């Protein structure tokens, strides 16, 4: 059975545990990178990672962007969104359909 994981600072991800997701609290990019690689090897279908850590481990995320699993999705942390997560969704949709059908080129 596939699982869903969340990587980020404890204050940003603790609430996800309440809805049954596996939470991996961390603050350092090296630790986040290691966790992300481990989750990709296990049966994780979706990995949410806070935007600030996603920026720091972008090389690792790029390794999995064309893989079927896991889907790695950047989410805002407790301080709010940087817009990075939405940019990644827009780029993924554009890669899949060949055009920016979500925003028509507007951000």
C-alpha atoms as a PDB file:
ATOM      1  CA  UNK A   1       0.000   0.000   0.000  1.00  0.00           C
ATOM      2  CA  UNK A   2       1.314   3.430  -0.898  1.00  0.00           C
ATOM      3  CA  UNK A   3       2.070   6.025   1.750  1.00  0.00           C
ATOM      4  CA  UNK A   4       2.186   9.811   1.966  1.00  0.00           C
ATOM      5  CA  UNK A   5       5.022  11.647   3.711  1.00  0.00           C
ATOM      6  CA  UNK A   6       5.625  15.231   4.766  1.00  0.00           C
ATOM      7  CA  UNK A   7       9.092  16.755   5.215  1.00  0.00           C
ATOM      8  CA  UNK A   8       9.680  20.096   6.915  1.00  0.00           C
ATOM      9  CA  UNK A   9      10.166  21.937  10.160  1.00  0.00           C
ATOM     10  CA  UNK A  10       8.296  20.479  13.135  1.00  0.00           C
ATOM     11  CA  UNK A  11       6.030  23.513  13.496  1.00  0.00           C
ATOM     12  CA  UNK A  12       5.106  23.306   9.812  1.00  0.00           C
ATOM     13  CA  UNK A  13       4.396  19.582   9.527  1.00  0.00           C
ATOM     14  CA  UNK A  14       3.147  18.435  12.945  1.00  0.00           C
ATOM     15  CA  UNK A  15      -0.509  18.933  12.014  1.00  0.00           C
ATOM     16  CA  UNK A  16      -0.237  16.492   9.119  1.00  0.00           C
ATOM     17  CA  UNK A  17       0.287  13.663  11.610  1.00  0.00           C
ATOM     18  CA  UNK A  18      -3.259  14.277  12.900  1.00  0.00           C
ATOM     19  CA  UNK A  19      -4.709  13.348   9.516  1.00  0.00           C
ATOM     20  CA  UNK A  20      -2.652  10.158   9.264  1.00  0.00           C
ATOM     21  CA  UNK A  21       0.309  11.225   7.161  1.00  0.00           C
ATOM     22  CA  UNK A  22       3.859  10.163   7.986  1.00  0.00           C
ATOM     23  CA  UNK A  23       5.753  13.207   9.208  1.00  0.00           C
ATOM     24  CA  UNK A  24       9.530  13.671   8.940  1.00  0.00           C
ATOM     25  CA  UNK A  25      10.512  16.821  10.848  1.00  0.00           C
ATOM     26  CA  UNK A  26      13.832  18.368   9.888  1.00  0.00           C
ATOM     27  CA  UNK A  27      15.380  21.798   9.498  1.00  0.00           C
ATOM     28  CA  UNK A  28      18.605  21.075   7.590  1.00  0.00           C
ATOM     29  CA  UNK A  29      18.828  20.562   3.842  1.00  0.00           C
ATOM     30  CA  UNK A  30      21.254  17.622   4.123  1.00  0.00           C
ATOM     31  CA  UNK A  31      18.839  15.788   6.402  1.00  0.00           C
ATOM     32  CA  UNK A  32      15.875  16.621   4.136  1.00  0.00           C
ATOM     33  CA  UNK A  33      17.824  15.330   1.132  1.00  0.00           C
ATOM     34  CA  UNK A  34      18.557  12.029   2.876  1.00  0.00           C
ATOM     35  CA  UNK A  35      14.935  11.619   4.016  1.00  0.00           C
ATOM     36  CA  UNK A  36      13.633  12.400   0.522  1.00  0.00           C
ATOM     37  CA  UNK A  37      15.898   9.806  -1.083  1.00  0.00           C
ATOM     38  CA  UNK A  38      14.843   7.184   1.475  1.00  0.00           C
ATOM     39  CA  UNK A  39      11.146   7.889   0.927  1.00  0.00           C
ATOM     40  CA  UNK A  40      11.609   7.602  -2.832  1.00  0.00           C
ATOM     41  CA  UNK A  41      13.026   4.101  -2.336  1.00  0.00           C
ATOM     42  CA  UNK A  42      10.112   3.069  -0.130  1.00  0.00           C
ATOM     43  CA  UNK A  43       6.429   2.888  -1.090  1.00  0.00           C
ATOM     44  CA  UNK A  44       5.686   6.610  -0.903  1.00  0.00           C
ATOM     45  CA  UNK A  45       3.356   7.796  -3.635  1.00  0.00           C
ATOM     46  CA  UNK A  46       3.369  11.429  -2.506  1.00  0.00           C
ATOM     47  CA  UNK A  47       5.974  13.400  -0.612  1.00  0.00           C
ATOM     48  CA  UNK A  48       5.115  16.913   0.497  1.00  0.00           C
ATOM     49  CA  UNK A  49       8.109  19.088   1.353  1.00  0.00           C
ATOM     50  CA  UNK A  50       8.085  22.648   2.612  1.00  0.00           C
ATOM     51  CA  UNK A  51       9.033  25.209  -0.014  1.00  0.00           C
ATOM     52  CA  UNK A  52      12.114  26.437   1.837  1.00  0.00           C
ATOM     53  CA  UNK A  53      13.587  22.911   1.991  1.00  0.00           C
ATOM     54  CA  UNK A  54      12.488  22.130  -1.573  1.00  0.00           C
ATOM     55  CA  UNK A  55      14.647  24.990  -2.837  1.00  0.00           C
ATOM     56  CA  UNK A  56      17.646  23.582  -0.984  1.00  0.00           C
ATOM     57  CA  UNK A  57      17.210  20.001  -2.289  1.00  0.00           C
ATOM     58  CA  UNK A  58      16.092  20.908  -5.827  1.00  0.00           C
ATOM     59  CA  UNK A  59      18.769  18.680  -7.412  1.00  0.00           C
ATOM     60  CA  UNK A  60      17.319  15.626  -5.687  1.00  0.00           C
ATOM     61  CA  UNK A  61      13.759  16.639  -6.548  1.00  0.00           C
ATOM     62  CA  UNK A  62      14.798  16.982 -10.199  1.00  0.00           C
ATOM     63  CA  UNK A  63      15.953  13.333 -10.198  1.00  0.00           C
ATOM     64  CA  UNK A  64      12.371  12.246  -9.575  1.00  0.00           C
ATOM     65  CA  UNK A  65      10.406  14.793 -11.610  1.00  0.00           C
ATOM     66  CA  UNK A  66       9.828  12.387 -14.507  1.00  0.00           C
ATOM     67  CA  UNK A  67       9.395   9.298 -12.330  1.00  0.00           C
ATOM     68  CA  UNK A  68       5.951   7.848 -11.765  1.00  0.00           C
ATOM     69  CA  UNK A  69       6.495   7.746  -8.006  1.00  0.00           C
ATOM     70  CA  UNK A  70       6.879   9.583  -5.795  1.00  0.00           C
ATOM     71  CA  UNK A  71       5.127  12.807  -6.682  1.00  0.00           C
ATOM     72  CA  UNK A  72       7.090  15.468  -4.791  1.00  0.00           C
ATOM     73  CA  UNK A  73       5.030  18.536  -4.011  1.00  0.00           C
ATOM     74  CA  UNK A  74       6.319  21.735  -2.413  1.00  0.00           C
ATOM     75  CA  UNK A  75       3.982  23.215   0.178  1.00  0.00           C
ATOM     76  CA  UNK A  76       4.103  26.452   2.174  1.00  0.00           C
ATOM     77  CA  UNK A  77       5.620  26.313   5.629  1.00  0.00           C
ATOM     78  CA  UNK A  78       4.102  27.941   8.711  1.00  0.00           C
ATOM     79  CA  UNK A  79       5.406  31.335   7.557  1.00  0.00           C
ATOM     80  CA  UNK A  80       3.397  31.305   4.329  1.00  0.00           C
ATOM     81  CA  UNK A  81       3.999  30.637   0.667  1.00  0.00           C
ATOM     82  CA  UNK A  82       6.928  31.767  -1.437  1.00  0.00           C
ATOM     83  CA  UNK A  83       5.038  30.825  -4.612  1.00  0.00           C
ATOM     84  CA  UNK A  84       7.496  28.035  -5.339  1.00  0.00           C
ATOM     85  CA  UNK A  85       4.929  25.256  -4.960  1.00  0.00           C
ATOM     86  CA  UNK A  86       2.524  26.808  -7.448  1.00  0.00           C
ATOM     87  CA  UNK A  87       5.362  27.426  -9.913  1.00  0.00           C
ATOM     88  CA  UNK A  88       6.229  23.723  -9.761  1.00  0.00           C
ATOM     89  CA  UNK A  89       2.614  22.713 -10.386  1.00  0.00           C
ATOM     90  CA  UNK A  90       2.423  25.088 -13.360  1.00  0.00           C
ATOM     91  CA  UNK A  91       5.664  23.695 -14.832  1.00  0.00           C
ATOM     92  CA  UNK A  92       4.514  20.092 -14.376  1.00  0.00           C
ATOM     93  CA  UNK A  93       1.208  20.775 -16.119  1.00  0.00           C
ATOM     94  CA  UNK A  94       3.000  22.604 -18.901  1.00  0.00           C
ATOM     95  CA  UNK A  95       5.384  19.648 -19.367  1.00  0.00           C
ATOM     96  CA  UNK A  96       2.454  17.233 -19.437  1.00  0.00           C
ATOM     97  CA  UNK A  97       0.190  19.078 -21.899  1.00  0.00           C
ATOM     98  CA  UNK A  98       2.646  21.298 -23.734  1.00  0.00           C
ATOM     99  CA  UNK A  99       1.087  24.616 -22.727  1.00  0.00           C
ATOM    100  CA  UNK A 100       0.402  26.676 -19.644  1.00  0.00           C
ATOM    101  CA  UNK A 101      -3.299  25.935 -19.373  1.00  0.00           C
ATOM    102  CA  UNK A 102      -3.525  27.003 -15.722  1.00  0.00           C
ATOM    103  CA  UNK A 103      -2.396  30.604 -15.927  1.00  0.00           C
ATOM    104  CA  UNK A 104      -1.898  31.321 -19.621  1.00  0.00           C
ATOM    105  CA  UNK A 105       1.626  32.588 -18.934  1.00  0.00           C
ATOM    106  CA  UNK A 106       0.510  34.906 -16.111  1.00  0.00           C
ATOM    107  CA  UNK A 107       1.876  34.291 -12.631  1.00  0.00           C
END
